[in-house]
Structure formats: C-alpha cells, structure tokens
Amino acid sequence: MMSISEAITTIKKAENDANKLVEDAKQTSSEMKEEAKQKAIEIIQAAKDEAHEETGGIISSAEENARKETIQISNKADENIKNTKNQATGKIEAAVEIIVKNVL
C-alpha cells in the first residue's frame, strides 16, 4: 500500500505533468496559429500577385484591341475622305462646264 506521503508526491507529480502538458499544448497551439497566419498571408499575397498579372494581361489586350480598332477607324475615315474628294472633283468639273456654258 502507498503511504500518504507517496500519494501526495504522486498527485503533485501528476499535477506538474498535467500543467506541463497544458503549457506544451498552449505553445503548440500558438505556433500552429502563427504558421496558419503566415500561410494565409502568403496565399493572399500570391493571389494579389496573380490578380495583378492577369490585370496587366487584360489591360494589354484591351490596349491592343483599341489600337487595332483605331487603325480600322482611321483607314475607313481615309477611304471616306478619298471618296468624298473624288466625288467633289467630279462635281467641280460639272460645275465648270455649267459655268462655261452659261457665261459663254
């Protein structure tokens, strides 16, 4: 049979062991929280970086499409100007003929 002194010593040791386990668990929990926080920060940063890259690609694509559209509009405008000029030149000749007939 165990003496009261041995029982008290065993209880004290069990309490100390339990307290040590609680402290170890708290420490492990803190470390796990810190790791999770750091991983979350890294994941968020990676997502931000990826979003910036995608945004850059979208902007570049939009700029390229805008350039192409500008060139098409410019070419169409040049063609319209050329056609209008040709039509106007044809009308000048007709106007000169009318003026010459009416004056002479």
N, C-alpha and C. Protein backbone atom coordinates (compact mmCIF):
# COMPACT_ATOMS: atom_id res chain seq x y z
N MET A 1 0.83 -1.17 0.00
CA MET A 1 0.00 0.00 0.00
C MET A 1 0.88 1.25 0.00
N MET A 2 0.38 2.28 -0.60
CA MET A 2 1.12 3.51 -0.73
C MET A 2 0.87 4.39 0.49
N SER A 3 1.91 5.05 0.93
CA SER A 3 1.74 5.95 2.07
C SER A 3 1.15 7.27 1.60
N ILE A 4 0.64 8.02 2.56
CA ILE A 4 0.04 9.32 2.25
C ILE A 4 1.09 10.20 1.60
N SER A 5 2.29 10.16 2.09
CA SER A 5 3.37 10.97 1.54
C SER A 5 3.64 10.59 0.08
N GLU A 6 3.67 9.31 -0.22
CA GLU A 6 3.88 8.86 -1.59
C GLU A 6 2.70 9.25 -2.47
N ALA A 7 1.49 9.16 -1.93
CA ALA A 7 0.29 9.54 -2.68
C ALA A 7 0.32 11.02 -3.02
N ILE A 8 0.71 11.82 -2.02
CA ILE A 8 0.78 13.27 -2.24
C ILE A 8 1.87 13.57 -3.27
N THR A 9 2.97 12.90 -3.21
CA THR A 9 4.06 13.09 -4.18
C THR A 9 3.58 12.68 -5.57
N THR A 10 2.88 11.58 -5.66
CA THR A 10 2.36 11.12 -6.96
C THR A 10 1.34 12.10 -7.52
N ILE A 11 0.47 12.61 -6.62
CA ILE A 11 -0.53 13.59 -7.06
C ILE A 11 0.16 14.86 -7.54
N LYS A 12 1.17 15.33 -6.78
CA LYS A 12 1.92 16.53 -7.17
C LYS A 12 2.58 16.33 -8.53
N LYS A 13 3.18 15.14 -8.69
CA LYS A 13 3.84 14.85 -9.98
C LYS A 13 2.81 14.83 -11.10
N ALA A 14 1.65 14.26 -10.87
CA ALA A 14 0.60 14.22 -11.89
C ALA A 14 0.12 15.62 -12.22
N GLU A 15 -0.01 16.47 -11.18
CA GLU A 15 -0.41 17.87 -11.41
C GLU A 15 0.66 18.59 -12.24
N ASN A 16 1.91 18.39 -11.88
CA ASN A 16 3.01 19.03 -12.63
C ASN A 16 3.04 18.55 -14.08
N ASP A 17 2.85 17.25 -14.24
CA ASP A 17 2.82 16.69 -15.60
C ASP A 17 1.64 17.28 -16.39
N ALA A 18 0.51 17.39 -15.73
CA ALA A 18 -0.68 17.96 -16.39
C ALA A 18 -0.44 19.42 -16.75
N ASN A 19 0.14 20.17 -15.82
CA ASN A 19 0.45 21.58 -16.10
C ASN A 19 1.44 21.70 -17.25
N LYS A 20 2.43 20.81 -17.28
CA LYS A 20 3.41 20.82 -18.37
C LYS A 20 2.73 20.51 -19.70
N LEU A 21 1.82 19.54 -19.69
CA LEU A 21 1.07 19.21 -20.91
C LEU A 21 0.23 20.39 -21.38
N VAL A 22 -0.41 21.10 -20.44
CA VAL A 22 -1.22 22.28 -20.78
C VAL A 22 -0.33 23.35 -21.39
N GLU A 23 0.82 23.61 -20.78
CA GLU A 23 1.75 24.62 -21.30
C GLU A 23 2.26 24.22 -22.69
N ASP A 24 2.62 22.95 -22.84
CA ASP A 24 3.07 22.47 -24.15
C ASP A 24 1.97 22.62 -25.20
N ALA A 25 0.74 22.31 -24.81
CA ALA A 25 -0.39 22.43 -25.73
C ALA A 25 -0.60 23.89 -26.12
N LYS A 26 -0.48 24.80 -25.14
CA LYS A 26 -0.61 26.24 -25.43
C LYS A 26 0.48 26.69 -26.39
N GLN A 27 1.70 26.24 -26.14
CA GLN A 27 2.82 26.62 -27.01
C GLN A 27 2.61 26.08 -28.43
N THR A 28 2.23 24.82 -28.52
CA THR A 28 1.97 24.21 -29.83
C THR A 28 0.83 24.93 -30.54
N SER A 29 -0.20 25.27 -29.80
CA SER A 29 -1.34 25.99 -30.37
C SER A 29 -0.90 27.35 -30.91
N SER A 30 -0.08 28.07 -30.14
CA SER A 30 0.42 29.37 -30.58
C SER A 30 1.25 29.23 -31.86
N GLU A 31 2.10 28.22 -31.89
CA GLU A 31 2.94 28.00 -33.07
C GLU A 31 2.08 27.68 -34.28
N MET A 32 1.07 26.84 -34.08
CA MET A 32 0.17 26.47 -35.19
C MET A 32 -0.59 27.69 -35.70
N LYS A 33 -1.05 28.54 -34.77
CA LYS A 33 -1.77 29.76 -35.16
C LYS A 33 -0.84 30.66 -35.98
N GLU A 34 0.39 30.82 -35.53
CA GLU A 34 1.35 31.67 -36.23
C GLU A 34 1.65 31.13 -37.62
N GLU A 35 1.83 29.81 -37.72
CA GLU A 35 2.06 29.18 -39.02
C GLU A 35 0.87 29.41 -39.95
N ALA A 36 -0.33 29.21 -39.43
CA ALA A 36 -1.54 29.39 -40.23
C ALA A 36 -1.66 30.84 -40.69
N LYS A 37 -1.36 31.77 -39.80
CA LYS A 37 -1.42 33.19 -40.14
C LYS A 37 -0.42 33.51 -41.25
N GLN A 38 0.81 32.99 -41.12
CA GLN A 38 1.84 33.23 -42.13
C GLN A 38 1.45 32.63 -43.47
N LYS A 39 0.90 31.41 -43.45
CA LYS A 39 0.47 30.78 -44.70
C LYS A 39 -0.66 31.57 -45.34
N ALA A 40 -1.58 32.09 -44.52
CA ALA A 40 -2.68 32.90 -45.05
C ALA A 40 -2.14 34.16 -45.71
N ILE A 41 -1.17 34.79 -45.07
CA ILE A 41 -0.55 36.00 -45.65
C ILE A 41 0.10 35.66 -46.99
N GLU A 42 0.81 34.54 -47.05
CA GLU A 42 1.46 34.12 -48.30
C GLU A 42 0.44 33.83 -49.39
N ILE A 43 -0.64 33.15 -49.02
CA ILE A 43 -1.69 32.83 -50.00
C ILE A 43 -2.34 34.11 -50.52
N ILE A 44 -2.62 35.04 -49.63
CA ILE A 44 -3.24 36.31 -50.04
C ILE A 44 -2.30 37.07 -50.97
N GLN A 45 -1.01 37.11 -50.62
CA GLN A 45 -0.04 37.82 -51.46
C GLN A 45 0.06 37.17 -52.84
N ALA A 46 0.07 35.85 -52.86
CA ALA A 46 0.14 35.13 -54.14
C ALA A 46 -1.09 35.44 -54.98
N ALA A 47 -2.25 35.48 -54.34
CA ALA A 47 -3.49 35.79 -55.07
C ALA A 47 -3.44 37.22 -55.61
N LYS A 48 -2.93 38.16 -54.79
CA LYS A 48 -2.80 39.55 -55.25
C LYS A 48 -1.85 39.63 -56.45
N ASP A 49 -0.70 38.95 -56.34
CA ASP A 49 0.27 38.97 -57.44
C ASP A 49 -0.35 38.40 -58.72
N GLU A 50 -1.05 37.30 -58.57
CA GLU A 50 -1.70 36.68 -59.74
C GLU A 50 -2.74 37.62 -60.34
N ALA A 51 -3.50 38.26 -59.47
CA ALA A 51 -4.52 39.20 -59.96
C ALA A 51 -3.87 40.36 -60.71
N HIS A 52 -2.74 40.86 -60.19
CA HIS A 52 -2.04 41.96 -60.87
C HIS A 52 -1.54 41.51 -62.25
N GLU A 53 -1.01 40.29 -62.31
CA GLU A 53 -0.54 39.77 -63.59
C GLU A 53 -1.69 39.64 -64.59
N GLU A 54 -2.81 39.10 -64.12
CA GLU A 54 -3.97 38.95 -65.00
C GLU A 54 -4.49 40.31 -65.44
N THR A 55 -4.51 41.26 -64.52
CA THR A 55 -4.98 42.61 -64.85
C THR A 55 -4.08 43.22 -65.92
N GLY A 56 -2.77 43.03 -65.76
CA GLY A 56 -1.83 43.55 -66.75
C GLY A 56 -2.10 42.95 -68.12
N GLY A 57 -2.37 41.66 -68.15
CA GLY A 57 -2.67 40.98 -69.42
C GLY A 57 -3.96 41.50 -70.03
N ILE A 58 -4.96 41.71 -69.20
CA ILE A 58 -6.25 42.23 -69.69
C ILE A 58 -6.07 43.63 -70.25
N ILE A 59 -5.31 44.46 -69.53
CA ILE A 59 -5.07 45.84 -69.98
C ILE A 59 -4.30 45.83 -71.29
N SER A 60 -3.28 45.00 -71.39
CA SER A 60 -2.50 44.92 -72.63
C SER A 60 -3.39 44.49 -73.79
N SER A 61 -4.22 43.52 -73.55
CA SER A 61 -5.13 43.03 -74.58
C SER A 61 -6.10 44.13 -75.01
N ALA A 62 -6.63 44.85 -74.03
CA ALA A 62 -7.57 45.94 -74.33
C ALA A 62 -6.87 47.04 -75.12
N GLU A 63 -5.63 47.35 -74.74
CA GLU A 63 -4.88 48.38 -75.48
C GLU A 63 -4.63 47.95 -76.92
N GLU A 64 -4.26 46.68 -77.10
CA GLU A 64 -4.01 46.16 -78.45
C GLU A 64 -5.29 46.21 -79.28
N ASN A 65 -6.39 45.81 -78.69
CA ASN A 65 -7.67 45.86 -79.41
C ASN A 65 -8.04 47.30 -79.76
N ALA A 66 -7.78 48.23 -78.84
CA ALA A 66 -8.06 49.64 -79.09
C ALA A 66 -7.19 50.17 -80.23
N ARG A 67 -5.91 49.76 -80.25
CA ARG A 67 -5.02 50.18 -81.35
C ARG A 67 -5.54 49.68 -82.69
N LYS A 68 -5.92 48.39 -82.71
CA LYS A 68 -6.44 47.81 -83.96
C LYS A 68 -7.70 48.53 -84.42
N GLU A 69 -8.58 48.81 -83.47
CA GLU A 69 -9.83 49.50 -83.82
C GLU A 69 -9.54 50.92 -84.30
N THR A 70 -8.58 51.58 -83.67
CA THR A 70 -8.20 52.93 -84.09
C THR A 70 -7.67 52.92 -85.52
N ILE A 71 -6.85 51.94 -85.84
CA ILE A 71 -6.31 51.83 -87.20
C ILE A 71 -7.43 51.58 -88.19
N GLN A 72 -8.37 50.70 -87.84
CA GLN A 72 -9.50 50.42 -88.73
C GLN A 72 -10.34 51.68 -88.95
N ILE A 73 -10.61 52.39 -87.88
CA ILE A 73 -11.40 53.63 -88.00
C ILE A 73 -10.66 54.65 -88.83
N SER A 74 -9.36 54.77 -88.60
CA SER A 74 -8.55 55.72 -89.37
C SER A 74 -8.54 55.36 -90.85
N ASN A 75 -8.36 54.07 -91.15
CA ASN A 75 -8.36 53.63 -92.55
C ASN A 75 -9.72 53.89 -93.20
N LYS A 76 -10.79 53.63 -92.47
CA LYS A 76 -12.12 53.87 -93.02
C LYS A 76 -12.34 55.36 -93.25
N ALA A 77 -11.88 56.18 -92.31
CA ALA A 77 -12.00 57.63 -92.47
C ALA A 77 -11.20 58.10 -93.68
N ASP A 78 -9.99 57.58 -93.85
CA ASP A 78 -9.18 57.95 -95.02
C ASP A 78 -9.89 57.57 -96.31
N GLU A 79 -10.49 56.39 -96.32
CA GLU A 79 -11.22 55.94 -97.51
C GLU A 79 -12.43 56.85 -97.78
N ASN A 80 -13.16 57.21 -96.71
CA ASN A 80 -14.30 58.10 -96.88
C ASN A 80 -13.87 59.48 -97.40
N ILE A 81 -12.75 59.98 -96.91
CA ILE A 81 -12.23 61.27 -97.36
C ILE A 81 -11.85 61.18 -98.84
N LYS A 82 -11.20 60.10 -99.21
CA LYS A 82 -10.80 59.91 -100.61
C LYS A 82 -12.03 59.86 -101.51
N ASN A 83 -13.04 59.10 -101.09
CA ASN A 83 -14.27 59.01 -101.90
C ASN A 83 -14.97 60.37 -102.01
N THR A 84 -15.03 61.09 -100.90
CA THR A 84 -15.66 62.41 -100.91
C THR A 84 -14.88 63.36 -101.81
N LYS A 85 -13.57 63.30 -101.75
CA LYS A 85 -12.73 64.16 -102.58
C LYS A 85 -12.94 63.84 -104.07
N ASN A 86 -13.01 62.53 -104.40
CA ASN A 86 -13.24 62.13 -105.78
C ASN A 86 -14.61 62.61 -106.27
N GLN A 87 -15.61 62.49 -105.40
CA GLN A 87 -16.96 62.97 -105.76
C GLN A 87 -16.95 64.48 -105.96
N ALA A 88 -16.25 65.18 -105.07
CA ALA A 88 -16.19 66.63 -105.18
C ALA A 88 -15.46 67.05 -106.45
N THR A 89 -14.39 66.36 -106.81
CA THR A 89 -13.64 66.67 -108.04
C THR A 89 -14.53 66.48 -109.26
N GLY A 90 -15.31 65.42 -109.26
CA GLY A 90 -16.25 65.19 -110.36
C GLY A 90 -17.29 66.29 -110.45
N LYS A 91 -17.75 66.80 -109.35
CA LYS A 91 -18.75 67.87 -109.34
C LYS A 91 -18.14 69.20 -109.77
N ILE A 92 -16.85 69.39 -109.47
CA ILE A 92 -16.19 70.64 -109.91
C ILE A 92 -16.15 70.70 -111.42
N GLU A 93 -15.81 69.58 -112.03
CA GLU A 93 -15.76 69.55 -113.48
C GLU A 93 -17.14 69.83 -114.07
N ALA A 94 -18.18 69.26 -113.48
CA ALA A 94 -19.54 69.51 -113.96
C ALA A 94 -19.90 70.97 -113.75
N ALA A 95 -19.51 71.54 -112.60
CA ALA A 95 -19.81 72.95 -112.32
C ALA A 95 -19.09 73.87 -113.31
N VAL A 96 -17.85 73.53 -113.63
CA VAL A 96 -17.10 74.34 -114.60
C VAL A 96 -17.79 74.30 -115.96
N GLU A 97 -18.25 73.14 -116.36
CA GLU A 97 -18.96 73.02 -117.65
C GLU A 97 -20.22 73.88 -117.65
N ILE A 98 -20.97 73.85 -116.55
CA ILE A 98 -22.20 74.66 -116.47
C ILE A 98 -21.86 76.13 -116.54
N ILE A 99 -20.84 76.55 -115.79
CA ILE A 99 -20.44 77.97 -115.78
C ILE A 99 -19.97 78.39 -117.17
N VAL A 100 -19.20 77.55 -117.81
CA VAL A 100 -18.70 77.89 -119.15
C VAL A 100 -19.87 78.01 -120.12
N LYS A 101 -20.83 77.11 -120.07
CA LYS A 101 -22.00 77.18 -120.95
C LYS A 101 -22.82 78.43 -120.71
N ASN A 102 -22.99 78.76 -119.43
CA ASN A 102 -23.84 79.90 -119.09
C ASN A 102 -23.14 81.24 -119.35
N VAL A 103 -21.87 81.30 -119.18
CA VAL A 103 -21.14 82.56 -119.37
C VAL A 103 -20.87 82.78 -120.85
N LEU A 104 -20.54 81.77 -121.55
CA LEU A 104 -20.20 81.93 -122.95
C LEU A 104 -21.41 81.73 -123.76
